[in-house]
C-alpha atoms as a PDB file:
ATOM      1  CA  MET A   1      40.871  -9.070 -74.674  1.00  0.00           C
ATOM      2  CA  ALA A   2      38.101  -6.576 -74.416  1.00  0.00           C
ATOM      3  CA  LYS A   3      36.432  -9.676 -72.642  1.00  0.00           C
ATOM      4  CA  GLU A   4      39.371  -9.715 -69.694  1.00  0.00           C
ATOM      5  CA  GLU A   5      39.398  -6.259 -68.681  1.00  0.00           C
ATOM      6  CA  GLN A   6      35.739  -6.309 -68.344  1.00  0.00           C
ATOM      7  CA  THR A   7      35.454  -9.723 -66.219  1.00  0.00           C
ATOM      8  CA  ALA A   8      38.555  -8.158 -64.520  1.00  0.00           C
ATOM      9  CA  ALA A   9      36.681  -4.993 -63.905  1.00  0.00           C
ATOM     10  CA  ASP A  10      33.814  -6.716 -62.668  1.00  0.00           C
ATOM     11  CA  ALA A  11      35.704  -9.197 -59.717  1.00  0.00           C
ATOM     12  CA  PRO A  12      36.049  -6.206 -57.665  1.00  0.00           C
ATOM     13  CA  GLN A  13      33.213  -5.184 -57.533  1.00  0.00           C
ATOM     14  CA  GLU A  14      31.633  -8.325 -56.684  1.00  0.00           C
ATOM     15  CA  GLY A  15      33.930  -8.497 -53.788  1.00  0.00           C
ATOM     16  CA  GLY A  16      33.240  -5.392 -52.641  1.00  0.00           C
ATOM     17  CA  SER A  17      29.642  -6.114 -52.841  1.00  0.00           C
ATOM     18  CA  LYS A  18      29.835  -9.299 -51.191  1.00  0.00           C
ATOM     19  CA  LYS A  19      31.628  -7.173 -48.214  1.00  0.00           C
ATOM     20  CA  LYS A  20      28.799  -5.135 -48.531  1.00  0.00           C
ATOM     21  CA  LEU A  21      26.325  -7.976 -47.886  1.00  0.00           C
ATOM     22  CA  PHE A  22      28.083  -9.427 -45.440  1.00  0.00           C
ATOM     23  CA  ILE A  23      28.381  -5.932 -43.145  1.00  0.00           C
ATOM     24  CA  ILE A  24      24.373  -5.248 -44.017  1.00  0.00           C
ATOM     25  CA  ILE A  25      23.797  -9.028 -42.750  1.00  0.00           C
ATOM     26  CA  GLY A  26      25.544  -8.492 -39.213  1.00  0.00           C
ATOM     27  CA  ALA A  27      23.865  -5.209 -38.606  1.00  0.00           C
ATOM     28  CA  ALA A  28      20.485  -6.464 -38.937  1.00  0.00           C
ATOM     29  CA  VAL A  29      21.799  -9.361 -36.927  1.00  0.00           C
ATOM     30  CA  LEU A  30      23.749  -7.252 -34.486  1.00  0.00           C
ATOM     31  CA  VAL A  31      20.046  -4.933 -34.088  1.00  0.00           C
ATOM     32  CA  LEU A  32      17.960  -7.842 -33.561  1.00  0.00           C
ATOM     33  CA  VAL A  33      20.182  -9.458 -30.970  1.00  0.00           C
ATOM     34  CA  ILE A  34      20.013  -5.976 -28.967  1.00  0.00           C
ATOM     35  CA  ALA A  35      15.816  -5.801 -29.523  1.00  0.00           C
ATOM     36  CA  GLY A  36      15.579  -9.138 -28.191  1.00  0.00           C
ATOM     37  CA  ILE A  37      17.824  -8.427 -25.369  1.00  0.00           C
ATOM     38  CA  VAL A  38      15.729  -5.615 -24.797  1.00  0.00           C
ATOM     39  CA  VAL A  39      12.630  -7.231 -24.741  1.00  0.00           C
ATOM     40  CA  PHE A  40      13.972  -9.463 -22.054  1.00  0.00           C
ATOM     41  CA  MET A  41      14.785  -7.101 -20.036  1.00  0.00           C
ATOM     42  CA  MET A  42      11.092  -5.610 -20.199  1.00  0.00           C
ATOM     43  CA  MET A  43       9.719  -8.864 -19.326  1.00  0.00           C
ATOM     44  CA  GLY A  44      11.754  -9.418 -16.341  1.00  0.00           C
ATOM     45  CA  LYS A  45      10.842  -6.428 -14.782  1.00  0.00           C
ATOM     46  CA  GLY A  46       7.406  -7.020 -15.421  1.00  0.00           C
ATOM     47  CA  ASP A  47       7.147  -9.499 -13.109  1.00  0.00           C
ATOM     48  CA  LYS A  48       8.077  -7.712 -10.079  1.00  0.00           C
ATOM     49  CA  LYS A  49       4.983  -5.257 -10.587  1.00  0.00           C
ATOM     50  CA  LYS A  50       2.616  -8.710 -10.769  1.00  0.00           C
ATOM     51  CA  LYS A  51      -0.254  -8.480  -8.695  1.00  0.00           C
ATOM     52  CA  GLU A  52      -0.729 -10.204  -5.356  1.00  0.00           C
ATOM     53  CA  GLY A  53      -2.588 -13.492  -5.809  1.00  0.00           C
ATOM     54  CA  ALA A  54      -0.957 -14.207  -9.696  1.00  0.00           C
ATOM     55  CA  ASP A  55       1.037 -17.195  -9.938  1.00  0.00           C
ATOM     56  CA  ALA A  56       4.328 -17.752 -11.322  1.00  0.00           C
ATOM     57  CA  HIS A  57       2.596 -17.265 -14.674  1.00  0.00           C
ATOM     58  CA  GLY A  58       0.166 -14.192 -14.130  1.00  0.00           C
ATOM     59  CA  THR A  59      -2.905 -15.875 -14.093  1.00  0.00           C
ATOM     60  CA  PRO A  60      -4.918 -14.829 -11.185  1.00  0.00           C
ATOM     61  CA  ALA A  61      -4.948 -17.432  -8.269  1.00  0.00           C
ATOM     62  CA  VAL A  62      -7.853 -20.207  -7.641  1.00  0.00           C
ATOM     63  CA  ALA A  63      -9.945 -19.357  -5.048  1.00  0.00           C
ATOM     64  CA  GLU A  64      -9.427 -22.652  -2.953  1.00  0.00           C
ATOM     65  CA  GLY A  65      -6.892 -25.643  -3.400  1.00  0.00           C
ATOM     66  CA  GLY A  66      -5.695 -24.027  -6.734  1.00  0.00           C
ATOM     67  CA  HIS A  67      -2.073 -23.441  -7.486  1.00  0.00           C
ATOM     68  CA  GLY A  68      -1.006 -20.106  -5.577  1.00  0.00           C
ATOM     69  CA  ALA A  69      -3.993 -20.643  -3.331  1.00  0.00           C
ATOM     70  CA  ALA A  70      -3.887 -20.947   0.321  1.00  0.00           C
ATOM     71  CA  ALA A  71      -4.545 -24.557   1.663  1.00  0.00           C
ATOM     72  CA  PRO A  72      -8.366 -24.800   2.908  1.00  0.00           C
ATOM     73  CA  ALA A  73      -8.172 -24.771   6.494  1.00  0.00           C
ATOM     74  CA  ALA A  74      -9.616 -27.641   8.895  1.00  0.00           C
ATOM     75  CA  ASP A  75     -13.076 -25.423   9.192  1.00  0.00           C
ATOM     76  CA  GLY A  76     -13.251 -25.554   5.605  1.00  0.00           C
ATOM     77  CA  HIS A  77     -12.400 -21.762   4.756  1.00  0.00           C
ATOM     78  CA  GLY A  78      -8.818 -20.454   3.595  1.00  0.00           C
ATOM     79  CA  ALA A  79      -6.317 -19.575   5.648  1.00  0.00           C
ATOM     80  CA  ALA A  80      -7.674 -16.021   6.511  1.00  0.00           C
ATOM     81  CA  GLY A  81     -11.280 -17.940   7.546  1.00  0.00           C
ATOM     82  CA  ALA A  82     -14.169 -15.978   5.919  1.00  0.00           C
ATOM     83  CA  SER A  83     -12.949 -12.485   5.823  1.00  0.00           C
ATOM     84  CA  GLY A  84     -11.076 -13.475   2.830  1.00  0.00           C
ATOM     85  CA  ALA A  85      -7.649 -13.977   1.246  1.00  0.00           C
ATOM     86  CA  SER A  86      -4.604 -13.007   3.855  1.00  0.00           C
ATOM     87  CA  THR A  87      -1.485 -11.177   3.319  1.00  0.00           C
ATOM     88  CA  VAL A  88       1.950 -11.766   3.736  1.00  0.00           C
ATOM     89  CA  PHE A  89       4.463  -9.055   4.939  1.00  0.00           C
ATOM     90  CA  SER A  90       8.187  -9.523   4.096  1.00  0.00           C
ATOM     91  CA  LEU A  91      10.820  -8.457   6.694  1.00  0.00           C
ATOM     92  CA  GLU A  92      14.690  -7.585   5.387  1.00  0.00           C
ATOM     93  CA  PRO A  93      17.091 -10.922   6.447  1.00  0.00           C
ATOM     94  CA  PHE A  94      18.591 -11.350   9.668  1.00  0.00           C
ATOM     95  CA  ILE A  95      21.936 -12.172  10.725  1.00  0.00           C
ATOM     96  CA  VAL A  96      23.011 -12.545  14.099  1.00  0.00           C
ATOM     97  CA  ASN A  97      25.350 -14.393  15.789  1.00  0.00           C
ATOM     98  CA  ILE A  98      24.278 -17.769  17.456  1.00  0.00           C
ATOM     99  CA  TYR A  99      26.680 -20.134  19.615  1.00  0.00           C
ATOM    100  CA  ASP A 100      27.255 -23.881  19.244  1.00  0.00           C
ATOM    101  CA  GLY A 101      29.340 -24.855  22.058  1.00  0.00           C
ATOM    102  CA  GLN A 102      32.381 -24.339  21.007  1.00  0.00           C
ATOM    103  CA  GLU A 103      32.271 -21.042  18.371  1.00  0.00           C
ATOM    104  CA  LEU A 104      30.441 -18.603  17.333  1.00  0.00           C
ATOM    105  CA  ARG A 105      28.183 -18.976  14.026  1.00  0.00           C
ATOM    106  CA  TYR A 106      26.134 -16.769  11.430  1.00  0.00           C
ATOM    107  CA  LEU A 107      22.372 -17.473  11.787  1.00  0.00           C
ATOM    108  CA  LYS A 108      20.879 -15.945   8.372  1.00  0.00           C
ATOM    109  CA  VAL A 109      16.815 -15.538   8.760  1.00  0.00           C
ATOM    110  CA  LYS A 110      14.690 -14.404   5.915  1.00  0.00           C
ATOM    111  CA  ILE A 111      10.919 -14.098   7.567  1.00  0.00           C
ATOM    112  CA  GLU A 112       7.398 -13.097   6.161  1.00  0.00           C
ATOM    113  CA  LEU A 113       4.774 -12.838   8.464  1.00  0.00           C
ATOM    114  CA  GLU A 114       1.087 -13.850   7.246  1.00  0.00           C
ATOM    115  CA  MET A 115      -1.495 -10.890   8.095  1.00  0.00           C
ATOM    116  CA  SER A 116      -5.152 -11.742   9.027  1.00  0.00           C
ATOM    117  CA  ASN A 117      -5.907  -9.361   6.363  1.00  0.00           C
ATOM    118  CA  PRO A 118      -4.083  -6.421   3.923  1.00  0.00           C
ATOM    119  CA  ALA A 119      -4.887  -3.424   6.279  1.00  0.00           C
ATOM    120  CA  VAL A 120      -2.960  -4.905   9.358  1.00  0.00           C
ATOM    121  CA  LYS A 121       0.048  -3.906   6.859  1.00  0.00           C
ATOM    122  CA  PRO A 122       0.553  -0.107   7.497  1.00  0.00           C
ATOM    123  CA  GLU A 123       0.599  -0.966  11.135  1.00  0.00           C
ATOM    124  CA  LEU A 124       3.199  -3.661  10.877  1.00  0.00           C
ATOM    125  CA  ASP A 125       5.096  -1.099   8.585  1.00  0.00           C
ATOM    126  CA  GLY A 126       4.580   1.809  11.251  1.00  0.00           C
ATOM    127  CA  ARG A 127       5.980  -0.368  13.717  1.00  0.00           C
ATOM    128  CA  LEU A 128       9.183  -2.089  11.550  1.00  0.00           C
ATOM    129  CA  ALA A 129      12.092  -1.231  14.109  1.00  0.00           C
ATOM    130  CA  ALA A 130      10.054  -2.417  17.044  1.00  0.00           C
ATOM    131  CA  ILE A 131       9.512  -5.314  15.156  1.00  0.00           C
ATOM    132  CA  ARG A 132      12.787  -6.181  13.697  1.00  0.00           C
ATOM    133  CA  ASP A 133      13.878  -5.257  17.586  1.00  0.00           C
ATOM    134  CA  ALA A 134      11.927  -7.924  19.373  1.00  0.00           C
ATOM    135  CA  ILE A 135      12.732 -10.642  16.165  1.00  0.00           C
ATOM    136  CA  LEU A 136      16.805 -10.052  16.589  1.00  0.00           C
ATOM    137  CA  VAL A 137      16.464 -10.460  20.467  1.00  0.00           C
ATOM    138  CA  VAL A 138      14.269 -13.524  20.330  1.00  0.00           C
ATOM    139  CA  LEU A 139      16.891 -14.887  17.300  1.00  0.00           C
ATOM    140  CA  THR A 140      19.917 -13.897  19.455  1.00  0.00           C
ATOM    141  CA  THR A 141      19.126 -15.974  22.143  1.00  0.00           C
ATOM    142  CA  LYS A 142      19.572 -19.052  20.457  1.00  0.00           C
ATOM    143  CA  THR A 143      22.231 -21.614  20.039  1.00  0.00           C
ATOM    144  CA  LEU A 144      22.637 -23.891  17.189  1.00  0.00           C
ATOM    145  CA  GLN A 145      21.557 -26.717  18.976  1.00  0.00           C
ATOM    146  CA  ASP A 146      17.852 -24.854  19.755  1.00  0.00           C
ATOM    147  CA  VAL A 147      17.430 -24.080  15.923  1.00  0.00           C
ATOM    148  CA  GLN A 148      19.107 -27.613  14.403  1.00  0.00           C
ATOM    149  CA  ASP A 149      15.971 -29.324  14.132  1.00  0.00           C
ATOM    150  CA  SER A 150      12.305 -29.140  12.714  1.00  0.00           C
ATOM    151  CA  GLN A 151      11.022 -28.977  16.558  1.00  0.00           C
ATOM    152  CA  GLY A 152      13.482 -25.926  17.563  1.00  0.00           C
ATOM    153  CA  LYS A 153      12.632 -23.747  14.301  1.00  0.00           C
ATOM    154  CA  ASN A 154       8.751 -24.058  15.282  1.00  0.00           C
ATOM    155  CA  GLN A 155       9.376 -23.176  18.661  1.00  0.00           C
ATOM    156  CA  LEU A 156      10.988 -20.077  17.142  1.00  0.00           C
ATOM    157  CA  LYS A 157       8.773 -19.199  14.835  1.00  0.00           C
ATOM    158  CA  GLU A 158       5.745 -19.706  18.461  1.00  0.00           C
ATOM    159  CA  GLU A 159       8.473 -17.194  20.287  1.00  0.00           C
ATOM    160  CA  ILE A 160       8.555 -14.671  17.674  1.00  0.00           C
ATOM    161  CA  LEU A 161       5.250 -14.897  17.022  1.00  0.00           C
ATOM    162  CA  THR A 162       4.516 -14.329  20.491  1.00  0.00           C
ATOM    163  CA  SER A 163       7.252 -10.752  20.779  1.00  0.00           C
ATOM    164  CA  ILE A 164       5.285  -9.401  17.646  1.00  0.00           C
ATOM    165  CA  SER A 165       1.793 -10.034  19.184  1.00  0.00           C
ATOM    166  CA  LYS A 166       2.992  -8.059  21.795  1.00  0.00           C
ATOM    167  CA  ILE A 167       3.667  -5.204  19.712  1.00  0.00           C
ATOM    168  CA  VAL A 168       0.860  -5.739  17.043  1.00  0.00           C
ATOM    169  CA  ALA A 169      -2.482  -6.274  18.927  1.00  0.00           C
ATOM    170  CA  GLN A 170      -2.951 -10.084  18.865  1.00  0.00           C
ATOM    171  CA  GLY A 171      -4.759 -11.636  15.641  1.00  0.00           C
ATOM    172  CA  LYS A 172      -3.423  -9.319  13.267  1.00  0.00           C
ATOM    173  CA  VAL A 173      -0.055 -12.031  12.658  1.00  0.00           C
ATOM    174  CA  ASN A 174      -1.412 -15.135  12.134  1.00  0.00           C
ATOM    175  CA  LYS A 175       1.784 -16.841  11.236  1.00  0.00           C
ATOM    176  CA  VAL A 176       5.763 -16.590  11.009  1.00  0.00           C
ATOM    177  CA  TYR A 177       7.269 -18.352   7.790  1.00  0.00           C
ATOM    178  CA  PHE A 178      11.012 -18.271   8.034  1.00  0.00           C
ATOM    179  CA  THR A 179      11.614 -18.332   3.610  1.00  0.00           C
ATOM    180  CA  ASP A 180      15.419 -18.819   3.932  1.00  0.00           C
ATOM    181  CA  PHE A 181      17.300 -20.579   6.925  1.00  0.00           C
ATOM    182  CA  VAL A 182      21.316 -20.752   6.862  1.00  0.00           C
ATOM    183  CA  VAL A 183      23.453 -21.432   9.537  1.00  0.00           C
ATOM    184  CA  GLN A 184      27.265 -21.329   9.048  1.00  0.00           C
END
């Protein structure tokens, strides 16, 4: 009879210890999951702070023809020639109305400018309002037919480059890139 009482008394303690064990394991797993999320978020923020000239893996771009490097120009130099690496200046997206012959449509364009050297960036920053205005004027003169094919897009790039060259000294901006181009 004493053995039965002892077994009955041990049974609730084992069940209670199993509950405690599950609670401890659950808490440990929760802490690990939260720590993993925090580490993931911190790593994601590091991508925004990468130095220019580094590829997606954080390694520096190769001088010529490697991943993330500018393609060599016909003269054998990189895109910026002998002066060094070129720099890209990003502009906020433009959203304008364009006419397609029957109704108004929206054109959303994200433009990036290739500068001749990094020293041009302060000048572009100082004249940003004038640059955006010039680009908006060019974009709003276009119709859907003007920007539908690649020839029209290339002509639009040239017109934008010409209008920017009137604001900043010619040769300081080498190329215009469309990184987003949507007509709706």
